[in-house]
Amino acid sequence: SNATIVCKRGPMGCVVFTGAIPASIEDGIKGPGFPVEVYNVLG
């Protein structure tokens, strides 16, 4: 698929891939993460 791929990584935020996949998962597009206390992950 040529789709934009978004990988959710929990407390590490997420990483996005729009074209060719780079050498490392850390080389994808990212935004700021927000470390918070986990109370309930459902939903």
Full PDB file with SEQRES, HELIX, SHEET, SSBOND, CRYST1, ORIGX, SCALE, CONECT and MASTER records, all heavy atoms in Angstrom:
SEQRES   1 A   43  SER ASN ALA THR ILE VAL CYS LYS ARG GLY PRO MET GLY          
SEQRES   2 A   43  CYS VAL VAL PHE THR GLY ALA ILE PRO ALA SER ILE GLU          
SEQRES   3 A   43  ASP GLY ILE LYS GLY PRO GLY PHE PRO VAL GLU VAL TYR          
SEQRES   4 A   43  ASN VAL LEU GLY                                              
HELIX    1 AA1 GLY A   10  MET A   12  5                                   3    
HELIX    2 AA2 ILE A   25  ASP A   27  5                                   3    
SHEET    1 AA1 2 ILE A   5  LYS A   8  0                                        
SHEET    2 AA1 2 CYS A  14  PHE A  17 -1                                        
CRYST1    1.000    1.000    1.000  90.00  90.00  90.00 P 1           1          
ORIGX1      1.000000  0.000000  0.000000        0.00000                         
ORIGX2      0.000000  1.000000  0.000000        0.00000                         
ORIGX3      0.000000  0.000000  1.000000        0.00000                         
SCALE1      1.000000  0.000000  0.000000        0.00000                         
SCALE2      0.000000  1.000000  0.000000        0.00000                         
SCALE3      0.000000  0.000000  1.000000        0.00000                         
ATOM      1  N   SER A   1       0.828  -1.211   0.000  1.00  0.00           N  
ATOM      2  CA  SER A   1       0.000   0.000   0.000  1.00  0.00           C  
ATOM      3  C   SER A   1       0.858   1.255   0.000  1.00  0.00           C  
ATOM      4  O   SER A   1       1.912   1.302   0.645  1.00  0.00           O  
ATOM      5  CB  SER A   1      -0.906   0.007   1.243  1.00  0.00           C  
ATOM      6  OG  SER A   1      -1.625   1.211   1.350  1.00  0.00           O  
ATOM      7  N   ASN A   2       0.375   2.277  -0.694  1.00  0.00           N  
ATOM      8  CA  ASN A   2       1.027   3.587  -0.699  1.00  0.00           C  
ATOM      9  C   ASN A   2       0.470   4.512   0.380  1.00  0.00           C  
ATOM     10  O   ASN A   2       0.783   5.704   0.415  1.00  0.00           O  
ATOM     11  CB  ASN A   2       0.861   4.253  -2.066  1.00  0.00           C  
ATOM     12  CG  ASN A   2       1.609   3.513  -3.156  1.00  0.00           C  
ATOM     13  OD1 ASN A   2       2.724   3.032  -2.931  1.00  0.00           O  
ATOM     14  ND2 ASN A   2       1.003   3.410  -4.337  1.00  0.00           N  
ATOM     15  N   ALA A   3      -0.362   3.972   1.254  1.00  0.00           N  
ATOM     16  CA  ALA A   3      -1.018   4.784   2.279  1.00  0.00           C  
ATOM     17  C   ALA A   3      -0.015   5.401   3.246  1.00  0.00           C  
ATOM     18  O   ALA A   3       1.083   4.880   3.456  1.00  0.00           O  
ATOM     19  CB  ALA A   3      -2.011   3.928   3.061  1.00  0.00           C  
ATOM     20  N   THR A   4      -0.426   6.511   3.849  1.00  0.00           N  
ATOM     21  CA  THR A   4       0.296   7.032   5.006  1.00  0.00           C  
ATOM     22  C   THR A   4       0.111   6.044   6.149  1.00  0.00           C  
ATOM     23  O   THR A   4      -1.018   5.649   6.464  1.00  0.00           O  
ATOM     24  CB  THR A   4      -0.253   8.416   5.400  1.00  0.00           C  
ATOM     25  OG1 THR A   4      -0.013   9.326   4.329  1.00  0.00           O  
ATOM     26  CG2 THR A   4       0.407   8.920   6.674  1.00  0.00           C  
ATOM     27  N   ILE A   5       1.217   5.620   6.753  1.00  0.00           N  
ATOM     28  CA  ILE A   5       1.167   4.625   7.824  1.00  0.00           C  
ATOM     29  C   ILE A   5       1.488   5.318   9.148  1.00  0.00           C  
ATOM     30  O   ILE A   5       2.503   6.014   9.268  1.00  0.00           O  
ATOM     31  CB  ILE A   5       2.174   3.481   7.577  1.00  0.00           C  
ATOM     32  CG1 ILE A   5       1.901   2.819   6.219  1.00  0.00           C  
ATOM     33  CG2 ILE A   5       2.110   2.459   8.704  1.00  0.00           C  
ATOM     34  CD1 ILE A   5       2.997   1.845   5.790  1.00  0.00           C  
ATOM     35  N   VAL A   6       0.629   5.116  10.134  1.00  0.00           N  
ATOM     36  CA  VAL A   6       0.823   5.700  11.458  1.00  0.00           C  
ATOM     37  C   VAL A   6       0.971   4.566  12.466  1.00  0.00           C  
ATOM     38  O   VAL A   6       0.072   3.737  12.615  1.00  0.00           O  
ATOM     39  CB  VAL A   6      -0.351   6.607  11.865  1.00  0.00           C  
ATOM     40  CG1 VAL A   6      -0.093   7.231  13.232  1.00  0.00           C  
ATOM     41  CG2 VAL A   6      -0.581   7.697  10.820  1.00  0.00           C  
ATOM     42  N   CYS A   7       2.098   4.554  13.151  1.00  0.00           N  
ATOM     43  CA  CYS A   7       2.357   3.543  14.173  1.00  0.00           C  
ATOM     44  C   CYS A   7       2.210   4.180  15.544  1.00  0.00           C  
ATOM     45  O   CYS A   7       2.972   5.090  15.913  1.00  0.00           O  
ATOM     46  CB  CYS A   7       3.761   2.961  14.000  1.00  0.00           C  
ATOM     47  SG  CYS A   7       4.185   1.716  15.244  1.00  0.00           S  
ATOM     48  N   LYS A   8       1.241   3.706  16.318  1.00  0.00           N  
ATOM     49  CA  LYS A   8       1.021   4.197  17.676  1.00  0.00           C  
ATOM     50  C   LYS A   8       1.978   3.470  18.620  1.00  0.00           C  
ATOM     51  O   LYS A   8       2.048   2.239  18.614  1.00  0.00           O  
ATOM     52  CB  LYS A   8      -0.431   3.963  18.104  1.00  0.00           C  
ATOM     53  CG  LYS A   8      -1.448   4.685  17.249  1.00  0.00           C  
ATOM     54  CD  LYS A   8      -2.874   4.476  17.741  1.00  0.00           C  
ATOM     55  CE  LYS A   8      -3.397   3.095  17.395  1.00  0.00           C  
ATOM     56  NZ  LYS A   8      -4.837   2.948  17.722  1.00  0.00           N  
ATOM     57  N   ARG A   9       2.675   4.239  19.461  1.00  0.00           N  
ATOM     58  CA  ARG A   9       3.714   3.652  20.314  1.00  0.00           C  
ATOM     59  C   ARG A   9       3.511   3.972  21.796  1.00  0.00           C  
ATOM     60  O   ARG A   9       4.469   4.064  22.556  1.00  0.00           O  
ATOM     61  CB  ARG A   9       5.085   4.137  19.842  1.00  0.00           C  
ATOM     62  CG  ARG A   9       5.343   3.892  18.372  1.00  0.00           C  
ATOM     63  CD  ARG A   9       6.682   4.441  17.923  1.00  0.00           C  
ATOM     64  NE  ARG A   9       7.798   3.609  18.366  1.00  0.00           N  
ATOM     65  CZ  ARG A   9       9.069   4.002  18.309  1.00  0.00           C  
ATOM     66  NH1 ARG A   9       9.376   5.223  17.877  1.00  0.00           N  
ATOM     67  NH2 ARG A   9      10.033   3.198  18.715  1.00  0.00           N  
ATOM     68  N   GLY A  10       2.266   4.145  22.182  1.00  0.00           N  
ATOM     69  CA  GLY A  10       1.974   4.353  23.588  1.00  0.00           C  
ATOM     70  C   GLY A  10       2.625   5.611  24.132  1.00  0.00           C  
ATOM     71  O   GLY A  10       2.504   6.686  23.537  1.00  0.00           O  
ATOM     72  N   PRO A  11       3.348   5.509  25.262  1.00  0.00           N  
ATOM     73  CA  PRO A  11       3.944   6.711  25.872  1.00  0.00           C  
ATOM     74  C   PRO A  11       5.005   7.373  25.005  1.00  0.00           C  
ATOM     75  O   PRO A  11       5.367   8.532  25.253  1.00  0.00           O  
ATOM     76  CB  PRO A  11       4.555   6.174  27.172  1.00  0.00           C  
ATOM     77  CG  PRO A  11       4.730   4.709  26.943  1.00  0.00           C  
ATOM     78  CD  PRO A  11       3.603   4.299  26.058  1.00  0.00           C  
ATOM     79  N   MET A  12       5.495   6.674  23.980  1.00  0.00           N  
ATOM     80  CA  MET A  12       6.483   7.273  23.073  1.00  0.00           C  
ATOM     81  C   MET A  12       5.830   8.057  21.949  1.00  0.00           C  
ATOM     82  O   MET A  12       6.509   8.564  21.057  1.00  0.00           O  
ATOM     83  CB  MET A  12       7.395   6.184  22.494  1.00  0.00           C  
ATOM     84  CG  MET A  12       8.278   5.506  23.521  1.00  0.00           C  
ATOM     85  SD  MET A  12       9.467   4.368  22.768  1.00  0.00           S  
ATOM     86  CE  MET A  12       8.370   3.082  22.164  1.00  0.00           C  
ATOM     87  N   GLY A  13       4.504   8.168  21.964  1.00  0.00           N  
ATOM     88  CA  GLY A  13       3.814   8.939  20.930  1.00  0.00           C  
ATOM     89  C   GLY A  13       3.539   8.102  19.698  1.00  0.00           C  
ATOM     90  O   GLY A  13       2.985   6.996  19.782  1.00  0.00           O  
ATOM     91  N   CYS A  14       3.944   8.591  18.553  1.00  0.00           N  
ATOM     92  CA  CYS A  14       3.690   7.880  17.304  1.00  0.00           C  
ATOM     93  C   CYS A  14       4.759   8.246  16.294  1.00  0.00           C  
ATOM     94  O   CYS A  14       5.514   9.209  16.473  1.00  0.00           O  
ATOM     95  CB  CYS A  14       2.302   8.217  16.753  1.00  0.00           C  
ATOM     96  SG  CYS A  14       2.105   9.948  16.259  1.00  0.00           S  
ATOM     97  N   VAL A  15       4.787   7.480  15.218  1.00  0.00           N  
ATOM     98  CA  VAL A  15       5.700   7.766  14.119  1.00  0.00           C  
ATOM     99  C   VAL A  15       4.949   7.524  12.819  1.00  0.00           C  
ATOM    100  O   VAL A  15       4.147   6.589  12.716  1.00  0.00           O  
ATOM    101  CB  VAL A  15       6.987   6.913  14.220  1.00  0.00           C  
ATOM    102  CG1 VAL A  15       6.657   5.428  14.192  1.00  0.00           C  
ATOM    103  CG2 VAL A  15       7.986   7.276  13.143  1.00  0.00           C  
ATOM    104  N   VAL A  16       5.184   8.380  11.817  1.00  0.00           N  
ATOM    105  CA  VAL A  16       4.405   8.370  10.577  1.00  0.00           C  
ATOM    106  C   VAL A  16       5.347   8.174   9.391  1.00  0.00           C  
ATOM    107  O   VAL A  16       6.438   8.749   9.340  1.00  0.00           O  
ATOM    108  CB  VAL A  16       3.622   9.698  10.417  1.00  0.00           C  
ATOM    109  CG1 VAL A  16       2.814   9.686   9.119  1.00  0.00           C  
ATOM    110  CG2 VAL A  16       2.719   9.928  11.618  1.00  0.00           C  
ATOM    111  N   PHE A  17       4.891   7.383   8.418  1.00  0.00           N  
ATOM    112  CA  PHE A  17       5.663   7.121   7.201  1.00  0.00           C  
ATOM    113  C   PHE A  17       4.787   7.419   5.990  1.00  0.00           C  
ATOM    114  O   PHE A  17       3.677   6.890   5.869  1.00  0.00           O  
ATOM    115  CB  PHE A  17       6.124   5.660   7.170  1.00  0.00           C  
ATOM    116  CG  PHE A  17       6.910   5.261   8.389  1.00  0.00           C  
ATOM    117  CD1 PHE A  17       6.277   4.650   9.467  1.00  0.00           C  
ATOM    118  CD2 PHE A  17       8.265   5.527   8.470  1.00  0.00           C  
ATOM    119  CE1 PHE A  17       6.988   4.293  10.603  1.00  0.00           C  
ATOM    120  CE2 PHE A  17       8.990   5.177   9.607  1.00  0.00           C  
ATOM    121  CZ  PHE A  17       8.353   4.561  10.672  1.00  0.00           C  
ATOM    122  N   THR A  18       5.279   8.278   5.107  1.00  0.00           N  
ATOM    123  CA  THR A  18       4.494   8.685   3.939  1.00  0.00           C  
ATOM    124  C   THR A  18       5.006   8.108   2.627  1.00  0.00           C  
ATOM    125  O   THR A  18       4.254   8.009   1.670  1.00  0.00           O  
ATOM    126  CB  THR A  18       4.471  10.211   3.816  1.00  0.00           C  
ATOM    127  OG1 THR A  18       5.818  10.694   3.745  1.00  0.00           O  
ATOM    128  CG2 THR A  18       3.765  10.841   5.005  1.00  0.00           C  
ATOM    129  N   GLY A  19       6.257   7.773   2.546  1.00  0.00           N  
ATOM    130  CA  GLY A  19       6.824   7.250   1.293  1.00  0.00           C  
ATOM    131  C   GLY A  19       7.640   6.013   1.573  1.00  0.00           C  
ATOM    132  O   GLY A  19       7.208   5.117   2.310  1.00  0.00           O  
ATOM    133  N   ALA A  20       8.821   5.982   1.006  1.00  0.00           N  
ATOM    134  CA  ALA A  20       9.709   4.846   1.241  1.00  0.00           C  
ATOM    135  C   ALA A  20      10.033   4.747   2.734  1.00  0.00           C  
ATOM    136  O   ALA A  20      10.225   5.759   3.406  1.00  0.00           O  
ATOM    137  CB  ALA A  20      10.989   5.007   0.432  1.00  0.00           C  
ATOM    138  N   ILE A  21      10.092   3.533   3.230  1.00  0.00           N  
ATOM    139  CA  ILE A  21      10.364   3.324   4.646  1.00  0.00           C  
ATOM    140  C   ILE A  21      11.859   3.516   4.897  1.00  0.00           C  
ATOM    141  O   ILE A  21      12.697   2.891   4.241  1.00  0.00           O  
ATOM    142  CB  ILE A  21       9.920   1.915   5.084  1.00  0.00           C  
ATOM    143  CG1 ILE A  21       8.449   1.692   4.728  1.00  0.00           C  
ATOM    144  CG2 ILE A  21      10.148   1.734   6.585  1.00  0.00           C  
ATOM    145  CD1 ILE A  21       7.493   2.700   5.329  1.00  0.00           C  
ATOM    146  N   PRO A  22      12.234   4.364   5.853  1.00  0.00           N  
ATOM    147  CA  PRO A  22      13.656   4.645   6.112  1.00  0.00           C  
ATOM    148  C   PRO A  22      14.348   3.468   6.802  1.00  0.00           C  
ATOM    149  O   PRO A  22      13.742   2.432   7.084  1.00  0.00           O  
ATOM    150  CB  PRO A  22      13.600   5.876   7.006  1.00  0.00           C  
ATOM    151  CG  PRO A  22      12.283   5.766   7.702  1.00  0.00           C  
ATOM    152  CD  PRO A  22      11.340   5.153   6.716  1.00  0.00           C  
ATOM    153  N   ALA A  23      15.628   3.680   7.105  1.00  0.00           N  
ATOM    154  CA  ALA A  23      16.430   2.604   7.680  1.00  0.00           C  
ATOM    155  C   ALA A  23      16.024   2.281   9.112  1.00  0.00           C  
ATOM    156  O   ALA A  23      16.196   1.150   9.571  1.00  0.00           O  
ATOM    157  CB  ALA A  23      17.906   2.989   7.625  1.00  0.00           C  
ATOM    158  N   SER A  24      15.499   3.263   9.817  1.00  0.00           N  
ATOM    159  CA  SER A  24      15.139   3.055  11.217  1.00  0.00           C  
ATOM    160  C   SER A  24      13.740   3.578  11.484  1.00  0.00           C  
ATOM    161  O   SER A  24      13.313   4.583  10.883  1.00  0.00           O  
ATOM    162  CB  SER A  24      16.137   3.784  12.123  1.00  0.00           C  
ATOM    163  OG  SER A  24      15.658   3.847  13.454  1.00  0.00           O  
ATOM    164  N   ILE A  25      13.037   2.932  12.390  1.00  0.00           N  
ATOM    165  CA  ILE A  25      11.698   3.395  12.756  1.00  0.00           C  
ATOM    166  C   ILE A  25      11.749   4.797  13.355  1.00  0.00           C  
ATOM    167  O   ILE A  25      10.784   5.561  13.260  1.00  0.00           O  
ATOM    168  CB  ILE A  25      11.029   2.406  13.733  1.00  0.00           C  
ATOM    169  CG1 ILE A  25       9.521   2.700  13.839  1.00  0.00           C  
ATOM    170  CG2 ILE A  25      11.694   2.449  15.113  1.00  0.00           C  
ATOM    171  CD1 ILE A  25       8.742   1.634  14.586  1.00  0.00           C  
ATOM    172  N   GLU A  26      12.894   5.155  13.936  1.00  0.00           N  
ATOM    173  CA  GLU A  26      13.027   6.470  14.554  1.00  0.00           C  
ATOM    174  C   GLU A  26      13.165   7.581  13.522  1.00  0.00           C  
ATOM    175  O   GLU A  26      13.118   8.759  13.879  1.00  0.00           O  
ATOM    176  CB  GLU A  26      14.232   6.501  15.488  1.00  0.00           C  
ATOM    177  CG  GLU A  26      14.192   5.457  16.600  1.00  0.00           C  
ATOM    178  CD  GLU A  26      12.970   5.608  17.492  1.00  0.00           C  
ATOM    179  OE1 GLU A  26      12.447   6.745  17.614  1.00  0.00           O  
ATOM    180  OE2 GLU A  26      12.519   4.592  18.054  1.00  0.00           O  
ATOM    181  N   ASP A  27      13.326   7.225  12.251  1.00  0.00           N  
ATOM    182  CA  ASP A  27      13.494   8.228  11.202  1.00  0.00           C  
ATOM    183  C   ASP A  27      12.172   8.673  10.585  1.00  0.00           C  
ATOM    184  O   ASP A  27      12.164   9.478   9.655  1.00  0.00           O  
ATOM    185  CB  ASP A  27      14.412   7.676  10.099  1.00  0.00           C  
ATOM    186  CG  ASP A  27      15.835   7.457  10.588  1.00  0.00           C  
ATOM    187  OD1 ASP A  27      16.239   8.169  11.519  1.00  0.00           O  
ATOM    188  OD2 ASP A  27      16.516   6.566  10.052  1.00  0.00           O  
ATOM    189  N   GLY A  28      11.071   8.148  11.086  1.00  0.00           N  
ATOM    190  CA  GLY A  28       9.777   8.589  10.593  1.00  0.00           C  
ATOM    191  C   GLY A  28       9.420   9.969  11.119  1.00  0.00           C  
ATOM    192  O   GLY A  28      10.147  10.576  11.910  1.00  0.00           O  
ATOM    193  N   ILE A  29       8.284  10.477  10.680  1.00  0.00           N  
ATOM    194  CA  ILE A  29       7.806  11.795  11.114  1.00  0.00           C  
ATOM    195  C   ILE A  29       7.171  11.662  12.493  1.00  0.00           C  
ATOM    196  O   ILE A  29       6.377  10.744  12.741  1.00  0.00           O  
ATOM    197  CB  ILE A  29       6.787  12.349  10.102  1.00  0.00           C  
ATOM    198  CG1 ILE A  29       7.445  12.506   8.729  1.00  0.00           C  
ATOM    199  CG2 ILE A  29       6.216  13.682  10.583  1.00  0.00           C  
ATOM    200  CD1 ILE A  29       6.459  12.786   7.615  1.00  0.00           C  
ATOM    201  N   LYS A  30       7.486  12.603  13.380  1.00  0.00           N  
ATOM    202  CA  LYS A  30       6.976  12.534  14.742  1.00  0.00           C  
ATOM    203  C   LYS A  30       6.410  13.884  15.173  1.00  0.00           C  
ATOM    204  O   LYS A  30       6.692  14.914  14.570  1.00  0.00           O  
ATOM    205  CB  LYS A  30       8.089  12.130  15.717  1.00  0.00           C  
ATOM    206  CG  LYS A  30       8.723  10.782  15.439  1.00  0.00           C  
ATOM    207  CD  LYS A  30       9.864  10.518  16.401  1.00  0.00           C  
ATOM    208  CE  LYS A  30      10.566   9.210  16.088  1.00  0.00           C  
ATOM    209  NZ  LYS A  30      11.721   8.977  16.993  1.00  0.00           N  
ATOM    210  N   GLY A  31       5.648  13.831  16.212  1.00  0.00           N  
ATOM    211  CA  GLY A  31       5.175  15.044  16.869  1.00  0.00           C  
ATOM    212  C   GLY A  31       5.486  14.937  18.339  1.00  0.00           C  
ATOM    213  O   GLY A  31       5.973  13.898  18.810  1.00  0.00           O  
ATOM    214  N   PRO A  32       5.212  15.973  19.107  1.00  0.00           N  
ATOM    215  CA  PRO A  32       5.527  15.929  20.541  1.00  0.00           C  
ATOM    216  C   PRO A  32       4.717  14.860  21.260  1.00  0.00           C  
ATOM    217  O   PRO A  32       3.535  14.659  20.989  1.00  0.00           O  
ATOM    218  CB  PRO A  32       5.150  17.332  21.023  1.00  0.00           C  
ATOM    219  CG  PRO A  32       4.141  17.822  20.032  1.00  0.00           C  
ATOM    220  CD  PRO A  32       4.548  17.228  18.715  1.00  0.00           C  
ATOM    221  N   GLY A  33       5.371  14.146  22.170  1.00  0.00           N  
ATOM    222  CA  GLY A  33       4.684  13.195  23.028  1.00  0.00           C  
ATOM    223  C   GLY A  33       4.371  13.833  24.371  1.00  0.00           C  
ATOM    224  O   GLY A  33       4.953  14.855  24.748  1.00  0.00           O  
ATOM    225  N   PHE A  34       3.457  13.229  25.103  1.00  0.00           N  
ATOM    226  CA  PHE A  34       3.022  13.803  26.376  1.00  0.00           C  
ATOM    227  C   PHE A  34       3.018  12.707  27.433  1.00  0.00           C  
ATOM    228  O   PHE A  34       2.047  11.956  27.559  1.00  0.00           O  
ATOM    229  CB  PHE A  34       1.630  14.426  26.239  1.00  0.00           C  
ATOM    230  CG  PHE A  34       1.528  15.424  25.119  1.00  0.00           C  
ATOM    231  CD1 PHE A  34       0.928  15.085  23.912  1.00  0.00           C  
ATOM    232  CD2 PHE A  34       2.067  16.693  25.247  1.00  0.00           C  
ATOM    233  CE1 PHE A  34       0.847  15.992  22.875  1.00  0.00           C  
ATOM    234  CE2 PHE A  34       1.986  17.613  24.208  1.00  0.00           C  
ATOM    235  CZ  PHE A  34       1.382  17.261  23.017  1.00  0.00           C  
ATOM    236  N   PRO A  35       4.101  12.596  28.197  1.00  0.00           N  
ATOM    237  CA  PRO A  35       4.157  11.567  29.245  1.00  0.00           C  
ATOM    238  C   PRO A  35       3.166  11.871  30.361  1.00  0.00           C  
ATOM    239  O   PRO A  35       3.234  12.920  31.004  1.00  0.00           O  
ATOM    240  CB  PRO A  35       5.604  11.647  29.745  1.00  0.00           C  
ATOM    241  CG  PRO A  35       6.060  13.025  29.396  1.00  0.00           C  
ATOM    242  CD  PRO A  35       5.347  13.399  28.141  1.00  0.00           C  
ATOM    243  N   VAL A  36       2.225  10.971  30.559  1.00  0.00           N  
ATOM    244  CA  VAL A  36       1.198  11.154  31.583  1.00  0.00           C  
ATOM    245  C   VAL A  36       1.041   9.847  32.357  1.00  0.00           C  
ATOM    246  O   VAL A  36       1.480   8.785  31.918  1.00  0.00           O  
ATOM    247  CB  VAL A  36      -0.163  11.557  30.972  1.00  0.00           C  
ATOM    248  CG1 VAL A  36      -0.068  12.905  30.276  1.00  0.00           C  
ATOM    249  CG2 VAL A  36      -0.674  10.488  30.010  1.00  0.00           C  
ATOM    250  N   GLU A  37       0.393   9.944  33.503  1.00  0.00           N  
ATOM    251  CA  GLU A  37       0.090   8.744  34.272  1.00  0.00           C  
ATOM    252  C   GLU A  37      -0.978   7.927  33.551  1.00  0.00           C  
ATOM    253  O   GLU A  37      -1.992   8.463  33.110  1.00  0.00           O  
ATOM    254  CB  GLU A  37      -0.421   9.127  35.654  1.00  0.00           C  
ATOM    255  CG  GLU A  37      -0.824   7.933  36.514  1.00  0.00           C  
ATOM    256  CD  GLU A  37      -1.599   8.349  37.743  1.00  0.00           C  
ATOM    257  OE1 GLU A  37      -0.953   8.646  38.760  1.00  0.00           O  
ATOM    258  OE2 GLU A  37      -2.843   8.377  37.683  1.00  0.00           O  
ATOM    259  N   VAL A  38      -0.749   6.633  33.429  1.00  0.00           N  
ATOM    260  CA  VAL A  38      -1.720   5.755  32.777  1.00  0.00           C  
ATOM    261  C   VAL A  38      -2.760   5.309  33.801  1.00  0.00           C  
ATOM    262  O   VAL A  38      -2.423   4.705  34.823  1.00  0.00           O  
ATOM    263  CB  VAL A  38      -1.029   4.526  32.152  1.00  0.00           C  
ATOM    264  CG1 VAL A  38      -2.069   3.563  31.604  1.00  0.00           C  
ATOM    265  CG2 VAL A  38      -0.076   4.960  31.055  1.00  0.00           C  
ATOM    266  N   TYR A  39      -4.005   5.632  33.518  1.00  0.00           N  
ATOM    267  CA  TYR A  39      -5.126   5.271  34.388  1.00  0.00           C  
ATOM    268  C   TYR A  39      -5.962   4.185  33.739  1.00  0.00           C  
ATOM    269  O   TYR A  39      -6.373   3.227  34.375  1.00  0.00           O  
ATOM    270  CB  TYR A  39      -5.961   6.523  34.648  1.00  0.00           C  
ATOM    271  CG  TYR A  39      -7.022   6.404  35.704  1.00  0.00           C  
ATOM    272  CD1 TYR A  39      -6.693   6.066  37.010  1.00  0.00           C  
ATOM    273  CD2 TYR A  39      -8.355   6.680  35.413  1.00  0.00           C  
ATOM    274  CE1 TYR A  39      -7.666   5.982  37.993  1.00  0.00           C  
ATOM    275  CE2 TYR A  39      -9.332   6.613  36.386  1.00  0.00           C  
ATOM    276  CZ  TYR A  39      -8.985   6.258  37.674  1.00  0.00           C  
ATOM    277  OH  TYR A  39      -9.949   6.188  38.644  1.00  0.00           O  
ATOM    278  N   ASN A  40      -6.204   4.340  32.426  1.00  0.00           N  
ATOM    279  CA  ASN A  40      -7.017   3.362  31.698  1.00  0.00           C  
ATOM    280  C   ASN A  40      -6.693   3.476  30.212  1.00  0.00           C  
ATOM    281  O   ASN A  40      -6.928   4.521  29.605  1.00  0.00           O  
ATOM    282  CB  ASN A  40      -8.509   3.628  31.924  1.00  0.00           C  
ATOM    283  CG  ASN A  40      -9.383   2.719  31.077  1.00  0.00           C  
ATOM    284  OD1 ASN A  40      -8.978   1.623  30.725  1.00  0.00           O  
ATOM    285  ND2 ASN A  40     -10.575   3.190  30.741  1.00  0.00           N  
ATOM    286  N   VAL A  41      -6.173   2.408  29.618  1.00  0.00           N  
ATOM    287  CA  VAL A  41      -5.777   2.469  28.208  1.00  0.00           C  
ATOM    288  C   VAL A  41      -6.936   2.204  27.262  1.00  0.00           C  
ATOM    289  O   VAL A  41      -6.826   2.459  26.054  1.00  0.00           O  
ATOM    290  CB  VAL A  41      -4.644   1.462  27.903  1.00  0.00           C  
ATOM    291  CG1 VAL A  41      -3.431   1.738  28.769  1.00  0.00           C  
ATOM    292  CG2 VAL A  41      -5.125   0.015  28.080  1.00  0.00           C  
ATOM    293  N   LEU A  42      -8.057   1.692  27.778  1.00  0.00           N  
ATOM    294  CA  LEU A  42      -9.166   1.314  26.909  1.00  0.00           C  
ATOM    295  C   LEU A  42      -9.744   2.549  26.204  1.00  0.00           C  
ATOM    296  O   LEU A  42     -10.105   3.525  26.844  1.00  0.00           O  
ATOM    297  CB  LEU A  42     -10.250   0.607  27.719  1.00  0.00           C  
ATOM    298  CG  LEU A  42      -9.778  -0.653  28.469  1.00  0.00           C  
ATOM    299  CD1 LEU A  42     -10.877  -1.191  29.361  1.00  0.00           C  
ATOM    300  CD2 LEU A  42      -9.321  -1.719  27.481  1.00  0.00           C  
ATOM    301  N   GLY A  43      -9.833   2.482  24.892  1.00  0.00           N  
ATOM    302  CA  GLY A  43     -10.367   3.598  24.112  1.00  0.00           C  
ATOM    303  C   GLY A  43      -9.358   4.663  23.766  1.00  0.00           C  
ATOM    304  O   GLY A  43      -9.684   5.610  23.042  1.00  0.00           O  
TER     305      GLY A  43                                                      
MASTER        0    0    0    2    2    0    0    6  304    1    0    4          
END                                                                             
